[in-house]
C-alpha atoms as a PDB file:
ATOM      1  CA  MET A   1       0.000   0.000   0.000  1.00  0.00           C
ATOM      2  CA  PHE A   2       2.811   2.432   0.852  1.00  0.00           C
ATOM      3  CA  GLY A   3       4.409   1.621  -2.522  1.00  0.00           C
ATOM      4  CA  ILE A   4       1.380   2.988  -4.366  1.00  0.00           C
ATOM      5  CA  LEU A   5       1.231   6.034  -2.086  1.00  0.00           C
ATOM      6  CA  ALA A   6       4.965   6.664  -2.630  1.00  0.00           C
ATOM      7  CA  PHE A   7       4.473   6.434  -6.402  1.00  0.00           C
ATOM      8  CA  VAL A   8       1.529   8.858  -6.366  1.00  0.00           C
ATOM      9  CA  THR A   9       3.388  11.282  -4.080  1.00  0.00           C
ATOM     10  CA  GLU A  10       6.499  11.200  -6.253  1.00  0.00           C
ATOM     11  CA  THR A  11       4.517  11.614  -9.459  1.00  0.00           C
ATOM     12  CA  ALA A  12       2.472  14.532  -8.142  1.00  0.00           C
ATOM     13  CA  LEU A  13       5.115  16.459  -6.193  1.00  0.00           C
ATOM     14  CA  MET A  14       8.362  15.638  -7.977  1.00  0.00           C
ATOM     15  CA  MET A  15       7.171  15.359 -11.577  1.00  0.00           C
ATOM     16  CA  LEU A  16       3.763  16.732 -12.544  1.00  0.00           C
ATOM     17  CA  GLU A  17       3.802  20.049 -10.708  1.00  0.00           C
ATOM     18  CA  PRO A  18       7.468  20.902 -11.552  1.00  0.00           C
ATOM     19  CA  VAL A  19       6.980  19.823 -15.176  1.00  0.00           C
ATOM     20  CA  TYR A  20       3.971  22.120 -15.413  1.00  0.00           C
ATOM     21  CA  GLN A  21       5.860  25.005 -13.776  1.00  0.00           C
ATOM     22  CA  THR A  22       8.758  24.487 -16.196  1.00  0.00           C
ATOM     23  CA  PHE A  23       6.312  24.484 -19.105  1.00  0.00           C
ATOM     24  CA  LYS A  24       4.687  27.699 -17.844  1.00  0.00           C
ATOM     25  CA  GLY A  25       8.101  29.345 -17.505  1.00  0.00           C
ATOM     26  CA  LEU A  26       9.159  28.317 -21.009  1.00  0.00           C
ATOM     27  CA  GLU A  27       5.876  29.518 -22.496  1.00  0.00           C
ATOM     28  CA  ALA A  28       6.168  32.825 -20.665  1.00  0.00           C
ATOM     29  CA  ASN A  29       9.674  33.211 -22.095  1.00  0.00           C
ATOM     30  CA  GLU A  30       8.368  32.526 -25.599  1.00  0.00           C
ATOM     31  CA  THR A  31       5.477  34.962 -25.405  1.00  0.00           C
ATOM     32  CA  GLY A  32       7.151  37.516 -23.122  1.00  0.00           C
ATOM     33  CA  GLU A  33       4.145  37.485 -20.778  1.00  0.00           C
ATOM     34  CA  GLY A  34       4.553  36.850 -17.055  1.00  0.00           C
ATOM     35  CA  ASN A  35       8.124  35.584 -17.256  1.00  0.00           C
ATOM     36  CA  LEU A  36       9.489  33.668 -14.250  1.00  0.00           C
ATOM     37  CA  ASP A  37      11.979  35.660 -12.261  1.00  0.00           C
ATOM     38  CA  PRO A  38      15.555  34.327 -11.990  1.00  0.00           C
ATOM     39  CA  GLU A  39      14.978  32.949  -8.472  1.00  0.00           C
ATOM     40  CA  GLU A  40      11.993  30.884  -9.657  1.00  0.00           C
ATOM     41  CA  TRP A  41      14.107  29.513 -12.531  1.00  0.00           C
ATOM     42  CA  ARG A  42      16.920  28.759 -10.069  1.00  0.00           C
ATOM     43  CA  GLN A  43      14.516  26.818  -7.833  1.00  0.00           C
ATOM     44  CA  LEU A  44      13.197  24.809 -10.782  1.00  0.00           C
ATOM     45  CA  LEU A  45      16.727  23.970 -11.942  1.00  0.00           C
ATOM     46  CA  ILE A  46      17.737  22.963  -8.418  1.00  0.00           C
ATOM     47  CA  HIS A  47      14.611  20.804  -8.219  1.00  0.00           C
ATOM     48  CA  TRP A  48      15.530  18.934 -11.416  1.00  0.00           C
ATOM     49  CA  ILE A  49      19.150  18.460 -10.314  1.00  0.00           C
ATOM     50  CA  VAL A  50      18.108  17.106  -6.905  1.00  0.00           C
ATOM     51  CA  TYR A  51      15.354  14.957  -8.399  1.00  0.00           C
ATOM     52  CA  GLY A  52      17.802  13.445 -10.907  1.00  0.00           C
ATOM     53  CA  ALA A  53      20.216  12.631  -8.081  1.00  0.00           C
ATOM     54  CA  PHE A  54      17.334  11.281  -5.975  1.00  0.00           C
ATOM     55  CA  ARG A  55      16.320   8.896  -8.787  1.00  0.00           C
ATOM     56  CA  ALA A  56      19.929   7.776  -9.307  1.00  0.00           C
ATOM     57  CA  VAL A  57      20.435   7.016  -5.613  1.00  0.00           C
ATOM     58  CA  GLU A  58      16.995   5.470  -5.146  1.00  0.00           C
ATOM     59  CA  SER A  59      17.812   2.172  -6.860  1.00  0.00           C
ATOM     60  CA  LEU A  60      20.826   1.745  -4.580  1.00  0.00           C
ATOM     61  CA  ALA A  61      18.987   2.710  -1.392  1.00  0.00           C
ATOM     62  CA  ARG A  62      15.801   0.661  -1.850  1.00  0.00           C
ATOM     63  CA  PRO A  63      17.226  -2.701  -0.726  1.00  0.00           C
ATOM     64  CA  TRP A  64      19.092  -1.226   2.247  1.00  0.00           C
ATOM     65  CA  VAL A  65      16.589   1.209   3.794  1.00  0.00           C
ATOM     66  CA  PRO A  66      13.942  -0.340   6.052  1.00  0.00           C
ATOM     67  CA  PHE A  67      10.387   0.863   5.339  1.00  0.00           C
ATOM     68  CA  TYR A  68      11.716   2.433   2.161  1.00  0.00           C
ATOM     69  CA  ASP A  69       8.360   3.608   0.789  1.00  0.00           C
ATOM     70  CA  MET A  70       7.488   5.497   3.972  1.00  0.00           C
ATOM     71  CA  VAL A  71      10.961   7.072   4.060  1.00  0.00           C
ATOM     72  CA  LYS A  72      10.568   7.988   0.384  1.00  0.00           C
ATOM     73  CA  ILE A  73       7.247   9.749   0.997  1.00  0.00           C
ATOM     74  CA  GLY A  74       8.752  11.741   3.876  1.00  0.00           C
ATOM     75  CA  THR A  75      11.824  12.619   1.807  1.00  0.00           C
ATOM     76  CA  ILE A  76       9.739  13.807  -1.136  1.00  0.00           C
ATOM     77  CA  VAL A  77       7.563  16.023   1.068  1.00  0.00           C
ATOM     78  CA  TRP A  78      10.668  17.455   2.775  1.00  0.00           C
ATOM     79  CA  LEU A  79      12.414  18.083  -0.573  1.00  0.00           C
ATOM     80  CA  ARG A  80       9.390  19.955  -1.935  1.00  0.00           C
ATOM     81  CA  ALA A  81       9.082  21.974   1.283  1.00  0.00           C
ATOM     82  CA  GLY A  82      12.545  23.476   0.755  1.00  0.00           C
ATOM     83  CA  GLY A  83      14.870  20.551   1.365  1.00  0.00           C
ATOM     84  CA  SER A  84      15.986  20.500  -2.284  1.00  0.00           C
ATOM     85  CA  ASP A  85      17.971  23.696  -1.793  1.00  0.00           C
ATOM     86  CA  THR A  86      19.635  22.247   1.333  1.00  0.00           C
ATOM     87  CA  VAL A  87      20.567  19.005  -0.461  1.00  0.00           C
ATOM     88  CA  TYR A  88      21.870  20.953  -3.438  1.00  0.00           C
ATOM     89  CA  GLN A  89      23.961  23.387  -1.370  1.00  0.00           C
ATOM     90  CA  THR A  90      25.393  20.842   1.099  1.00  0.00           C
ATOM     91  CA  ILE A  91      25.837  17.664  -0.986  1.00  0.00           C
ATOM     92  CA  ILE A  92      25.355  17.964  -4.739  1.00  0.00           C
ATOM     93  CA  ARG A  93      26.989  21.329  -5.479  1.00  0.00           C
ATOM     94  CA  PRO A  94      30.206  20.656  -3.477  1.00  0.00           C
ATOM     95  CA  PHE A  95      30.517  17.226  -5.103  1.00  0.00           C
ATOM     96  CA  LEU A  96      30.028  18.614  -8.623  1.00  0.00           C
ATOM     97  CA  VAL A  97      32.408  21.539  -8.049  1.00  0.00           C
ATOM     98  CA  GLU A  98      35.133  19.204  -6.758  1.00  0.00           C
ATOM     99  CA  HIS A  99      34.742  16.666  -9.573  1.00  0.00           C
ATOM    100  CA  GLU A 100      33.802  19.027 -12.425  1.00  0.00           C
ATOM    101  CA  PRO A 101      36.980  18.468 -14.535  1.00  0.00           C
ATOM    102  CA  ASP A 102      36.661  14.685 -14.234  1.00  0.00           C
ATOM    103  CA  ILE A 103      32.958  14.779 -15.079  1.00  0.00           C
ATOM    104  CA  ASP A 104      33.606  17.072 -18.072  1.00  0.00           C
ATOM    105  CA  GLN A 105      36.294  14.673 -19.331  1.00  0.00           C
ATOM    106  CA  TRP A 106      33.980  11.681 -18.835  1.00  0.00           C
ATOM    107  CA  ILE A 107      31.139  13.413 -20.706  1.00  0.00           C
ATOM    108  CA  GLU A 108      33.517  14.390 -23.531  1.00  0.00           C
ATOM    109  CA  GLN A 109      34.620  10.757 -23.808  1.00  0.00           C
ATOM    110  CA  LEU A 110      30.977   9.612 -23.834  1.00  0.00           C
ATOM    111  CA  ASN A 111      30.180  12.137 -26.584  1.00  0.00           C
ATOM    112  CA  ARG A 112      33.133  10.938 -28.687  1.00  0.00           C
ATOM    113  CA  THR A 113      32.021   7.344 -28.222  1.00  0.00           C
ATOM    114  CA  ARG A 114      28.454   8.294 -29.129  1.00  0.00           C
ATOM    115  CA  ASP A 115      29.647  10.107 -32.269  1.00  0.00           C
ATOM    116  CA  THR A 116      31.822   7.150 -33.276  1.00  0.00           C
ATOM    117  CA  MET A 117      28.929   4.743 -32.750  1.00  0.00           C
ATOM    118  CA  ALA A 118      26.581   7.003 -34.742  1.00  0.00           C
ATOM    119  CA  SER A 119      29.075   7.174 -37.635  1.00  0.00           C
ATOM    120  CA  ALA A 120      29.593   3.423 -37.602  1.00  0.00           C
ATOM    121  CA  THR A 121      25.852   2.806 -37.436  1.00  0.00           C
ATOM    122  CA  SER A 122      25.275   5.196 -40.337  1.00  0.00           C
ATOM    123  CA  ALA A 123      27.978   3.531 -42.436  1.00  0.00           C
ATOM    124  CA  LEU A 124      26.623   0.066 -41.673  1.00  0.00           C
ATOM    125  CA  SER A 125      23.091   1.183 -42.431  1.00  0.00           C
ATOM    126  CA  SER A 126      24.206   2.625 -45.762  1.00  0.00           C
ATOM    127  CA  ALA A 127      26.069  -0.561 -46.618  1.00  0.00           C
ATOM    128  CA  VAL A 128      23.163  -2.790 -45.677  1.00  0.00           C
ATOM    129  CA  THR A 129      20.548  -0.747 -47.510  1.00  0.00           C
ATOM    130  CA  ALA A 130      22.642  -0.124 -50.651  1.00  0.00           C
ATOM    131  CA  ASP A 131      21.121  -1.538 -53.835  1.00  0.00           C
ATOM    132  CA  PRO A 132      23.594  -4.132 -55.140  1.00  0.00           C
ATOM    133  CA  ASP A 133      22.279  -3.649 -58.700  1.00  0.00           C
ATOM    134  CA  SER A 134      23.246   0.026 -58.646  1.00  0.00           C
ATOM    135  CA  ILE A 135      26.900  -0.704 -57.961  1.00  0.00           C
ATOM    136  CA  ASN A 136      28.965  -0.389 -61.142  1.00  0.00           C
ATOM    137  CA  ASP A 137      31.583  -3.154 -61.275  1.00  0.00           C
ATOM    138  CA  SER A 138      33.934  -1.094 -63.431  1.00  0.00           C
ATOM    139  CA  GLU A 139      34.078   1.671 -60.847  1.00  0.00           C
ATOM    140  CA  GLN A 140      35.004  -0.635 -57.987  1.00  0.00           C
ATOM    141  CA  GLU A 141      38.610  -0.659 -57.008  1.00  0.00           C
ATOM    142  CA  GLU A 142      40.232  -4.041 -57.074  1.00  0.00           C
ATOM    143  CA  MET A 143      41.534  -5.015 -53.705  1.00  0.00           C
ATOM    144  CA  THR A 144      44.845  -6.834 -53.616  1.00  0.00           C
ATOM    145  CA  VAL A 145      45.588  -8.900 -50.598  1.00  0.00           C
ATOM    146  CA  PRO A 146      49.243  -9.732 -49.956  1.00  0.00           C
ATOM    147  CA  GLU A 147      50.089 -13.388 -49.778  1.00  0.00           C
ATOM    148  CA  PRO A 148      50.435 -14.412 -46.142  1.00  0.00           C
ATOM    149  CA  ALA A 149      53.743 -15.761 -44.918  1.00  0.00           C
ATOM    150  CA  ILE A 150      53.373 -19.027 -43.057  1.00  0.00           C
ATOM    151  CA  PRO A 151      56.395 -19.528 -40.824  1.00  0.00           C
ATOM    152  CA  SER A 152      57.521 -23.041 -40.028  1.00  0.00           C
ATOM    153  CA  SER A 153      59.713 -24.032 -37.153  1.00  0.00           C
ATOM    154  CA  GLY A 154      63.374 -24.043 -38.135  1.00  0.00           C
ATOM    155  CA  SER A 155      62.791 -23.171 -41.791  1.00  0.00           C
ATOM    156  CA  PRO A 156      62.445 -19.906 -43.645  1.00  0.00           C
ATOM    157  CA  ALA A 157      58.981 -18.445 -44.094  1.00  0.00           C
ATOM    158  CA  VAL A 158      56.978 -20.180 -46.778  1.00  0.00           C
ATOM    159  CA  THR A 159      54.677 -18.084 -48.920  1.00  0.00           C
ATOM    160  CA  ALA A 160      51.286 -19.632 -49.466  1.00  0.00           C
ATOM    161  CA  ASN A 161      50.037 -19.776 -53.015  1.00  0.00           C
ATOM    162  CA  PRO A 162      46.396 -18.643 -53.111  1.00  0.00           C
ATOM    163  CA  ALA A 163      45.726 -20.932 -56.055  1.00  0.00           C
ATOM    164  CA  GLU A 164      46.695 -24.025 -54.073  1.00  0.00           C
ATOM    165  CA  PRO A 165      44.416 -25.280 -51.312  1.00  0.00           C
ATOM    166  CA  ILE A 166      45.968 -25.292 -47.887  1.00  0.00           C
ATOM    167  CA  SER A 167      45.870 -28.723 -46.351  1.00  0.00           C
ATOM    168  CA  GLY A 168      45.512 -29.494 -42.697  1.00  0.00           C
ATOM    169  CA  GLU A 169      48.913 -31.201 -42.671  1.00  0.00           C
ATOM    170  CA  THR A 170      51.806 -29.851 -40.653  1.00  0.00           C
ATOM    171  CA  ASN A 171      54.927 -28.510 -42.372  1.00  0.00           C
ATOM    172  CA  GLU A 172      56.912 -31.594 -41.328  1.00  0.00           C
ATOM    173  CA  GLU A 173      54.381 -33.963 -42.933  1.00  0.00           C
ATOM    174  CA  GLN A 174      54.359 -31.838 -46.116  1.00  0.00           C
ATOM    175  CA  ARG A 175      58.194 -31.903 -46.286  1.00  0.00           C
ATOM    176  CA  ARG A 176      58.250 -35.721 -46.013  1.00  0.00           C
ATOM    177  CA  LYS A 177      55.751 -35.973 -48.878  1.00  0.00           C
ATOM    178  CA  ASP A 178      57.762 -33.563 -51.026  1.00  0.00           C
ATOM    179  CA  GLN A 179      60.974 -35.703 -50.683  1.00  0.00           C
END
């Protein structure tokens, strides 16, 4: 029962009302009517920062906190009654200020990885969806593959001939057959 109450409390206080206030502020900015003052924007931004941290920590805390749903309800009410600013000023902001260079570097690395993955996905998608009939054989470059060198123990490297099938025999067995 407390699980449902915690869900409803979180949805109403931490999501619906702040989402609506953010919407109203954005609309007021667009139209120029009744704009939110900077302190109201600051409070909304702090709310979203604290709520994001709350959601991140929640999955870790759930198994370890007795009566979690009741604690969650109390925490949500306290955060909306002004506790968000306290959490932001005493925990989140000092942590972010201290680790800002590391976090920036981590995000930059994530963005590079994302860009690389997007490029690879785009290239693969293009290759997969290309019409094979539209490819002109005369325009394709011929790829030459160097002949691999197959080293044998105690003898110089032997160059494999691509025209000859490679047998499963060892070099020693092949040498005996050749003599």
